[in-house]
Full PDB file with SEQRES, HELIX, SHEET, SSBOND, CRYST1, ORIGX, SCALE, CONECT and MASTER records, all heavy atoms in Angstrom:
SEQRES   1 A   32  VAL ASN PRO ASP ALA VAL ILE LEU LEU GLU THR SER ILE          
SEQRES   2 A   32  ASP ALA LEU ARG ARG HIS SER LYS GLU VAL GLU SER MET          
SEQRES   3 A   32  ARG ASP SER ILE ASP GLY                                      
HELIX    1 AA1 ILE A   13  ARG A   18  1                                   6    
HELIX    2 AA2 SER A   20  MET A   26  1                                   7    
CRYST1    1.000    1.000    1.000  90.00  90.00  90.00 P 1           1          
ORIGX1      1.000000  0.000000  0.000000        0.00000                         
ORIGX2      0.000000  1.000000  0.000000        0.00000                         
ORIGX3      0.000000  0.000000  1.000000        0.00000                         
SCALE1      1.000000  0.000000  0.000000        0.00000                         
SCALE2      0.000000  1.000000  0.000000        0.00000                         
SCALE3      0.000000  0.000000  1.000000        0.00000                         
ATOM      1  N   VAL A   1     109.550 120.488  53.766  1.00  0.00           N  
ATOM      2  CA  VAL A   1     109.437 120.829  52.327  1.00  0.00           C  
ATOM      3  C   VAL A   1     108.285 120.028  51.664  1.00  0.00           C  
ATOM      4  O   VAL A   1     107.489 120.585  50.899  1.00  0.00           O  
ATOM      5  CB  VAL A   1     110.746 120.546  51.604  1.00  0.00           C  
ATOM      6  CG1 VAL A   1     110.634 120.824  50.139  1.00  0.00           C  
ATOM      7  CG2 VAL A   1     111.869 121.382  52.215  1.00  0.00           C  
ATOM      8  N   ASN A   2     108.212 118.756  51.943  1.00  0.00           N  
ATOM      9  CA  ASN A   2     107.164 117.866  51.363  1.00  0.00           C  
ATOM     10  C   ASN A   2     106.803 116.833  52.377  1.00  0.00           C  
ATOM     11  O   ASN A   2     107.491 115.797  52.452  1.00  0.00           O  
ATOM     12  CB  ASN A   2     107.654 117.291  50.034  1.00  0.00           C  
ATOM     13  CG  ASN A   2     106.587 116.386  49.394  1.00  0.00           C  
ATOM     14  OD1 ASN A   2     105.461 116.230  49.899  1.00  0.00           O  
ATOM     15  ND2 ASN A   2     106.911 115.903  48.211  1.00  0.00           N  
ATOM     16  N   PRO A   3     105.755 117.005  53.126  1.00  0.00           N  
ATOM     17  CA  PRO A   3     105.414 116.035  54.172  1.00  0.00           C  
ATOM     18  C   PRO A   3     104.902 114.692  53.600  1.00  0.00           C  
ATOM     19  O   PRO A   3     104.816 113.705  54.329  1.00  0.00           O  
ATOM     20  CB  PRO A   3     104.245 116.749  54.931  1.00  0.00           C  
ATOM     21  CG  PRO A   3     103.719 117.767  53.981  1.00  0.00           C  
ATOM     22  CD  PRO A   3     104.869 118.171  53.140  1.00  0.00           C  
ATOM     23  N   ASP A   4     104.569 114.683  52.275  1.00  0.00           N  
ATOM     24  CA  ASP A   4     104.085 113.407  51.699  1.00  0.00           C  
ATOM     25  C   ASP A   4     105.175 112.711  50.882  1.00  0.00           C  
ATOM     26  O   ASP A   4     104.826 111.779  50.064  1.00  0.00           O  
ATOM     27  CB  ASP A   4     102.897 113.741  50.783  1.00  0.00           C  
ATOM     28  CG  ASP A   4     101.718 114.337  51.518  1.00  0.00           C  
ATOM     29  OD1 ASP A   4     101.453 113.898  52.640  1.00  0.00           O  
ATOM     30  OD2 ASP A   4     101.104 115.280  51.028  1.00  0.00           O  
ATOM     31  N   ALA A   5     106.427 113.118  51.021  1.00  0.00           N  
ATOM     32  CA  ALA A   5     107.463 112.502  50.182  1.00  0.00           C  
ATOM     33  C   ALA A   5     107.630 110.996  50.505  1.00  0.00           C  
ATOM     34  O   ALA A   5     107.428 110.565  51.622  1.00  0.00           O  
ATOM     35  CB  ALA A   5     108.799 113.215  50.504  1.00  0.00           C  
ATOM     36  N   VAL A   6     107.893 110.243  49.472  1.00  0.00           N  
ATOM     37  CA  VAL A   6     108.191 108.825  49.579  1.00  0.00           C  
ATOM     38  C   VAL A   6     109.651 108.730  50.043  1.00  0.00           C  
ATOM     39  O   VAL A   6     110.546 109.262  49.418  1.00  0.00           O  
ATOM     40  CB  VAL A   6     107.976 108.094  48.223  1.00  0.00           C  
ATOM     41  CG1 VAL A   6     108.414 106.624  48.369  1.00  0.00           C  
ATOM     42  CG2 VAL A   6     106.526 108.201  47.786  1.00  0.00           C  
ATOM     43  N   ILE A   7     109.871 107.999  51.111  1.00  0.00           N  
ATOM     44  CA  ILE A   7     111.229 107.878  51.671  1.00  0.00           C  
ATOM     45  C   ILE A   7     111.804 106.497  51.451  1.00  0.00           C  
ATOM     46  O   ILE A   7     111.230 105.499  51.824  1.00  0.00           O  
ATOM     47  CB  ILE A   7     111.192 108.139  53.232  1.00  0.00           C  
ATOM     48  CG1 ILE A   7     110.470 109.429  53.565  1.00  0.00           C  
ATOM     49  CG2 ILE A   7     112.601 108.185  53.781  1.00  0.00           C  
ATOM     50  CD1 ILE A   7     111.041 110.667  52.919  1.00  0.00           C  
ATOM     51  N   LEU A   8     112.905 106.482  50.710  1.00  0.00           N  
ATOM     52  CA  LEU A   8     113.617 105.206  50.468  1.00  0.00           C  
ATOM     53  C   LEU A   8     114.980 105.215  51.174  1.00  0.00           C  
ATOM     54  O   LEU A   8     115.707 106.212  51.095  1.00  0.00           O  
ATOM     55  CB  LEU A   8     113.841 104.987  48.977  1.00  0.00           C  
ATOM     56  CG  LEU A   8     112.587 104.855  48.102  1.00  0.00           C  
ATOM     57  CD1 LEU A   8     112.976 104.619  46.622  1.00  0.00           C  
ATOM     58  CD2 LEU A   8     111.672 103.781  48.556  1.00  0.00           C  
ATOM     59  N   LEU A   9     115.250 104.123  51.840  1.00  0.00           N  
ATOM     60  CA  LEU A   9     116.547 104.030  52.547  1.00  0.00           C  
ATOM     61  C   LEU A   9     117.522 103.233  51.636  1.00  0.00           C  
ATOM     62  O   LEU A   9     117.259 102.075  51.324  1.00  0.00           O  
ATOM     63  CB  LEU A   9     116.362 103.245  53.830  1.00  0.00           C  
ATOM     64  CG  LEU A   9     117.613 103.025  54.708  1.00  0.00           C  
ATOM     65  CD1 LEU A   9     118.102 104.309  55.329  1.00  0.00           C  
ATOM     66  CD2 LEU A   9     117.378 101.990  55.771  1.00  0.00           C  
ATOM     67  N   GLU A  10     118.528 103.926  51.123  1.00  0.00           N  
ATOM     68  CA  GLU A  10     119.530 103.286  50.272  1.00  0.00           C  
ATOM     69  C   GLU A  10     120.550 102.555  51.111  1.00  0.00           C  
ATOM     70  O   GLU A  10     121.287 103.187  51.863  1.00  0.00           O  
ATOM     71  CB  GLU A  10     120.223 104.322  49.385  1.00  0.00           C  
ATOM     72  CG  GLU A  10     121.191 103.683  48.390  1.00  0.00           C  
ATOM     73  CD  GLU A  10     121.972 104.752  47.620  1.00  0.00           C  
ATOM     74  OE1 GLU A  10     122.928 105.289  48.155  1.00  0.00           O  
ATOM     75  OE2 GLU A  10     121.613 104.950  46.417  1.00  0.00           O  
ATOM     76  N   THR A  11     120.602 101.253  51.012  1.00  0.00           N  
ATOM     77  CA  THR A  11     121.485 100.488  51.884  1.00  0.00           C  
ATOM     78  C   THR A  11     121.856  99.184  51.158  1.00  0.00           C  
ATOM     79  O   THR A  11     121.538  98.975  49.977  1.00  0.00           O  
ATOM     80  CB  THR A  11     120.843 100.259  53.199  1.00  0.00           C  
ATOM     81  OG1 THR A  11     121.733  99.666  54.131  1.00  0.00           O  
ATOM     82  CG2 THR A  11     119.630  99.351  53.123  1.00  0.00           C  
ATOM     83  N   SER A  12     122.502  98.306  51.875  1.00  0.00           N  
ATOM     84  CA  SER A  12     122.931  97.005  51.356  1.00  0.00           C  
ATOM     85  C   SER A  12     122.355  95.868  52.145  1.00  0.00           C  
ATOM     86  O   SER A  12     121.948  96.038  53.281  1.00  0.00           O  
ATOM     87  CB  SER A  12     124.429  96.949  51.350  1.00  0.00           C  
ATOM     88  OG  SER A  12     124.920  96.860  52.693  1.00  0.00           O  
ATOM     89  N   ILE A  13     122.363  94.674  51.544  1.00  0.00           N  
ATOM     90  CA  ILE A  13     121.879  93.507  52.240  1.00  0.00           C  
ATOM     91  C   ILE A  13     122.762  93.207  53.455  1.00  0.00           C  
ATOM     92  O   ILE A  13     122.296  92.773  54.511  1.00  0.00           O  
ATOM     93  CB  ILE A  13     121.794  92.318  51.283  1.00  0.00           C  
ATOM     94  CG1 ILE A  13     121.017  91.161  51.968  1.00  0.00           C  
ATOM     95  CG2 ILE A  13     123.141  91.862  50.791  1.00  0.00           C  
ATOM     96  CD1 ILE A  13     120.652  90.068  51.018  1.00  0.00           C  
ATOM     97  N   ASP A  14     124.052  93.497  53.369  1.00  0.00           N  
ATOM     98  CA  ASP A  14     124.979  93.230  54.522  1.00  0.00           C  
ATOM     99  C   ASP A  14     124.606  94.210  55.673  1.00  0.00           C  
ATOM    100  O   ASP A  14     124.657  93.779  56.807  1.00  0.00           O  
ATOM    101  CB  ASP A  14     126.426  93.459  54.068  1.00  0.00           C  
ATOM    102  CG  ASP A  14     126.907  92.273  53.215  1.00  0.00           C  
ATOM    103  OD1 ASP A  14     126.359  91.187  53.321  1.00  0.00           O  
ATOM    104  OD2 ASP A  14     127.863  92.506  52.419  1.00  0.00           O  
ATOM    105  N   ALA A  15     124.326  95.463  55.386  1.00  0.00           N  
ATOM    106  CA  ALA A  15     123.969  96.405  56.421  1.00  0.00           C  
ATOM    107  C   ALA A  15     122.641  95.994  57.068  1.00  0.00           C  
ATOM    108  O   ALA A  15     122.493  96.071  58.288  1.00  0.00           O  
ATOM    109  CB  ALA A  15     123.885  97.805  55.834  1.00  0.00           C  
ATOM    110  N   LEU A  16     121.698  95.552  56.246  1.00  0.00           N  
ATOM    111  CA  LEU A  16     120.414  95.089  56.811  1.00  0.00           C  
ATOM    112  C   LEU A  16     120.632  93.885  57.746  1.00  0.00           C  
ATOM    113  O   LEU A  16     120.000  93.753  58.829  1.00  0.00           O  
ATOM    114  CB  LEU A  16     119.465  94.712  55.705  1.00  0.00           C  
ATOM    115  CG  LEU A  16     118.919  95.834  54.814  1.00  0.00           C  
ATOM    116  CD1 LEU A  16     118.128  95.221  53.663  1.00  0.00           C  
ATOM    117  CD2 LEU A  16     118.113  96.812  55.661  1.00  0.00           C  
ATOM    118  N   ARG A  17     121.552  93.020  57.356  1.00  0.00           N  
ATOM    119  CA  ARG A  17     121.845  91.828  58.185  1.00  0.00           C  
ATOM    120  C   ARG A  17     122.506  92.205  59.478  1.00  0.00           C  
ATOM    121  O   ARG A  17     122.193  91.664  60.555  1.00  0.00           O  
ATOM    122  CB  ARG A  17     122.741  90.892  57.356  1.00  0.00           C  
ATOM    123  CG  ARG A  17     122.975  89.527  58.020  1.00  0.00           C  
ATOM    124  CD  ARG A  17     123.937  88.721  57.260  1.00  0.00           C  
ATOM    125  NE  ARG A  17     123.447  88.219  55.988  1.00  0.00           N  
ATOM    126  CZ  ARG A  17     123.858  88.554  54.807  1.00  0.00           C  
ATOM    127  NH1 ARG A  17     124.842  89.439  54.664  1.00  0.00           N  
ATOM    128  NH2 ARG A  17     123.358  88.009  53.717  1.00  0.00           N  
ATOM    129  N   ARG A  18     123.438  93.174  59.443  1.00  0.00           N  
ATOM    130  CA  ARG A  18     124.210  93.525  60.653  1.00  0.00           C  
ATOM    131  C   ARG A  18     123.425  94.381  61.648  1.00  0.00           C  
ATOM    132  O   ARG A  18     123.661  94.330  62.823  1.00  0.00           O  
ATOM    133  CB  ARG A  18     125.506  94.270  60.288  1.00  0.00           C  
ATOM    134  CG  ARG A  18     126.490  93.427  59.527  1.00  0.00           C  
ATOM    135  CD  ARG A  18     127.887  94.086  59.543  1.00  0.00           C  
ATOM    136  NE  ARG A  18     127.799  95.487  59.089  1.00  0.00           N  
ATOM    137  CZ  ARG A  18     127.933  95.865  57.834  1.00  0.00           C  
ATOM    138  NH1 ARG A  18     128.186  94.914  56.885  1.00  0.00           N  
ATOM    139  NH2 ARG A  18     127.936  97.105  57.460  1.00  0.00           N  
ATOM    140  N   HIS A  19     122.484  95.164  61.103  1.00  0.00           N  
ATOM    141  CA  HIS A  19     121.823  96.134  61.953  1.00  0.00           C  
ATOM    142  C   HIS A  19     120.289  95.884  62.018  1.00  0.00           C  
ATOM    143  O   HIS A  19     119.499  96.773  61.755  1.00  0.00           O  
ATOM    144  CB  HIS A  19     122.069  97.548  61.418  1.00  0.00           C  
ATOM    145  CG  HIS A  19     123.524  97.910  61.314  1.00  0.00           C  
ATOM    146  ND1 HIS A  19     124.299  98.143  62.381  1.00  0.00           N  
ATOM    147  CD2 HIS A  19     124.355  98.012  60.196  1.00  0.00           C  
ATOM    148  CE1 HIS A  19     125.540  98.382  62.002  1.00  0.00           C  
ATOM    149  NE2 HIS A  19     125.604  98.320  60.696  1.00  0.00           N  
ATOM    150  N   SER A  20     119.923  94.703  62.344  1.00  0.00           N  
ATOM    151  CA  SER A  20     118.490  94.346  62.344  1.00  0.00           C  
ATOM    152  C   SER A  20     117.680  95.149  63.340  1.00  0.00           C  
ATOM    153  O   SER A  20     116.528  95.536  63.044  1.00  0.00           O  
ATOM    154  CB  SER A  20     118.366  92.837  62.626  1.00  0.00           C  
ATOM    155  OG  SER A  20     118.939  92.498  63.858  1.00  0.00           O  
ATOM    156  N   LYS A  21     118.247  95.425  64.515  1.00  0.00           N  
ATOM    157  CA  LYS A  21     117.487  96.210  65.509  1.00  0.00           C  
ATOM    158  C   LYS A  21     117.274  97.637  65.056  1.00  0.00           C  
ATOM    159  O   LYS A  21     116.231  98.223  65.244  1.00  0.00           O  
ATOM    160  CB  LYS A  21     118.230  96.210  66.836  1.00  0.00           C  
ATOM    161  CG  LYS A  21     118.244  94.841  67.558  1.00  0.00           C  
ATOM    162  CD  LYS A  21     118.949  94.912  68.885  1.00  0.00           C  
ATOM    163  CE  LYS A  21     118.938  93.543  69.607  1.00  0.00           C  
ATOM    164  NZ  LYS A  21     119.629  93.602  70.886  1.00  0.00           N  
ATOM    165  N   GLU A  22     118.325  98.234  64.407  1.00  0.00           N  
ATOM    166  CA  GLU A  22     118.184  99.599  63.928  1.00  0.00           C  
ATOM    167  C   GLU A  22     117.089  99.655  62.815  1.00  0.00           C  
ATOM    168  O   GLU A  22     116.316 100.572  62.739  1.00  0.00           O  
ATOM    169  CB  GLU A  22     119.512 100.097  63.367  1.00  0.00           C  
ATOM    170  CG  GLU A  22     120.524 100.399  64.459  1.00  0.00           C  
ATOM    171  CD  GLU A  22     121.307  99.136  64.919  1.00  0.00           C  
ATOM    172  OE1 GLU A  22     120.907  98.017  64.492  1.00  0.00           O  
ATOM    173  OE2 GLU A  22     122.273  99.316  65.648  1.00  0.00           O  
ATOM    174  N   VAL A  23     117.117  98.652  61.929  1.00  0.00           N  
ATOM    175  CA  VAL A  23     116.130  98.594  60.867  1.00  0.00           C  
ATOM    176  C   VAL A  23     114.715  98.521  61.431  1.00  0.00           C  
ATOM    177  O   VAL A  23     113.779  99.197  60.970  1.00  0.00           O  
ATOM    178  CB  VAL A  23     116.394  97.404  59.909  1.00  0.00           C  
ATOM    179  CG1 VAL A  23     115.290  97.259  58.928  1.00  0.00           C  
ATOM    180  CG2 VAL A  23     117.727  97.526  59.239  1.00  0.00           C  
ATOM    181  N   GLU A  24     114.528  97.756  62.467  1.00  0.00           N  
ATOM    182  CA  GLU A  24     113.220  97.614  63.108  1.00  0.00           C  
ATOM    183  C   GLU A  24     112.779  98.948  63.639  1.00  0.00           C  
ATOM    184  O   GLU A  24     111.575  99.301  63.530  1.00  0.00           O  
ATOM    185  CB  GLU A  24     113.283  96.564  64.210  1.00  0.00           C  
ATOM    186  CG  GLU A  24     111.932  96.310  64.847  1.00  0.00           C  
ATOM    187  CD  GLU A  24     112.022  95.156  65.878  1.00  0.00           C  
ATOM    188  OE1 GLU A  24     113.099  94.576  66.030  1.00  0.00           O  
ATOM    189  OE2 GLU A  24     110.969  94.939  66.544  1.00  0.00           O  
ATOM    190  N   SER A  25     113.696  99.747  64.251  1.00  0.00           N  
ATOM    191  CA  SER A  25     113.299 101.027  64.805  1.00  0.00           C  
ATOM    192  C   SER A  25     113.008 102.059  63.713  1.00  0.00           C  
ATOM    193  O   SER A  25     112.380 103.071  63.975  1.00  0.00           O  
ATOM    194  CB  SER A  25     114.448 101.535  65.733  1.00  0.00           C  
ATOM    195  OG  SER A  25     115.601 101.793  65.040  1.00  0.00           O  
ATOM    196  N   MET A  26     113.511 101.849  62.505  1.00  0.00           N  
ATOM    197  CA  MET A  26     113.287 102.789  61.416  1.00  0.00           C  
ATOM    198  C   MET A  26     112.014 102.515  60.627  1.00  0.00           C  
ATOM    199  O   MET A  26     111.585 103.332  59.819  1.00  0.00           O  
ATOM    200  CB  MET A  26     114.437 102.718  60.430  1.00  0.00           C  
ATOM    201  CG  MET A  26     115.763 103.176  60.902  1.00  0.00           C  
ATOM    202  SD  MET A  26     117.010 102.946  59.593  1.00  0.00           S  
ATOM    203  CE  MET A  26     118.459 103.526  60.442  1.00  0.00           C  
ATOM    204  N   ARG A  27     111.430 101.349  60.858  1.00  0.00           N  
ATOM    205  CA  ARG A  27     110.351 100.855  59.956  1.00  0.00           C  
ATOM    206  C   ARG A  27     109.208 101.813  59.764  1.00  0.00           C  
ATOM    207  O   ARG A  27     108.618 101.921  58.679  1.00  0.00           O  
ATOM    208  CB  ARG A  27     109.897  99.538  60.474  1.00  0.00           C  
ATOM    209  CG  ARG A  27     109.352  98.602  59.412  1.00  0.00           C  
ATOM    210  CD  ARG A  27     109.182  97.203  59.913  1.00  0.00           C  
ATOM    211  NE  ARG A  27     110.468  96.533  60.076  1.00  0.00           N  
ATOM    212  CZ  ARG A  27     110.782  95.682  61.068  1.00  0.00           C  
ATOM    213  NH1 ARG A  27     109.883  95.426  61.993  1.00  0.00           N  
ATOM    214  NH2 ARG A  27     111.998  95.122  61.119  1.00  0.00           N  
ATOM    215  N   ASP A  28     108.835 102.557  60.820  1.00  0.00           N  
ATOM    216  CA  ASP A  28     107.693 103.467  60.765  1.00  0.00           C  
ATOM    217  C   ASP A  28     108.057 104.764  60.014  1.00  0.00           C  
ATOM    218  O   ASP A  28     107.168 105.571  59.708  1.00  0.00           O  
ATOM    219  CB  ASP A  28     107.169 103.802  62.198  1.00  0.00           C  
ATOM    220  CG  ASP A  28     106.580 102.577  62.791  1.00  0.00           C  
ATOM    221  OD1 ASP A  28     106.180 101.624  62.097  1.00  0.00           O  
ATOM    222  OD2 ASP A  28     106.497 102.518  64.053  1.00  0.00           O  
ATOM    223  N   SER A  29     109.358 104.953  59.749  1.00  0.00           N  
ATOM    224  CA  SER A  29     109.771 106.259  59.169  1.00  0.00           C  
ATOM    225  C   SER A  29     110.062 106.194  57.687  1.00  0.00           C  
ATOM    226  O   SER A  29     110.245 107.220  57.036  1.00  0.00           O  
ATOM    227  CB  SER A  29     111.032 106.775  59.884  1.00  0.00           C  
ATOM    228  OG  SER A  29     110.797 106.862  61.280  1.00  0.00           O  
ATOM    229  N   ILE A  30     110.153 104.990  57.117  1.00  0.00           N  
ATOM    230  CA  ILE A  30     110.532 104.857  55.696  1.00  0.00           C  
ATOM    231  C   ILE A  30     109.509 104.007  54.957  1.00  0.00           C  
ATOM    232  O   ILE A  30     108.809 103.224  55.585  1.00  0.00           O  
ATOM    233  CB  ILE A  30     111.953 104.286  55.541  1.00  0.00           C  
ATOM    234  CG1 ILE A  30     112.053 102.898  56.267  1.00  0.00           C  
ATOM    235  CG2 ILE A  30     112.989 105.232  56.003  1.00  0.00           C  
ATOM    236  CD1 ILE A  30     113.424 102.271  56.152  1.00  0.00           C  
ATOM    237  N   ASP A  31     109.490 104.202  53.633  1.00  0.00           N  
ATOM    238  CA  ASP A  31     108.504 103.535  52.821  1.00  0.00           C  
ATOM    239  C   ASP A  31     109.076 102.307  52.098  1.00  0.00           C  
ATOM    240  O   ASP A  31     108.330 101.526  51.525  1.00  0.00           O  
ATOM    241  CB  ASP A  31     107.922 104.507  51.759  1.00  0.00           C  
ATOM    242  CG  ASP A  31     107.205 105.666  52.388  1.00  0.00           C  
ATOM    243  OD1 ASP A  31     106.209 105.436  53.087  1.00  0.00           O  
ATOM    244  OD2 ASP A  31     107.656 106.798  52.214  1.00  0.00           O  
ATOM    245  N   GLY A  32     110.373 102.173  52.058  1.00  0.00           N  
ATOM    246  CA  GLY A  32     110.985 101.052  51.390  1.00  0.00           C  
ATOM    247  C   GLY A  32     112.494 101.114  51.431  1.00  0.00           C  
ATOM    248  O   GLY A  32     113.093 102.085  51.876  1.00  0.00           O  
TER     249      GLY A  32                                                      
MASTER        0    0    0    2    0    0    0    6  248    1    0    3          
END                                                                             
């Protein structure tokens, strides 16, 4: 639909803390 869309991952600091490896693998796919 929009290849230039800004992608934000809505999450929590606890989820970021628990899933550090998953966050690293997502880094190239999201803008913030």
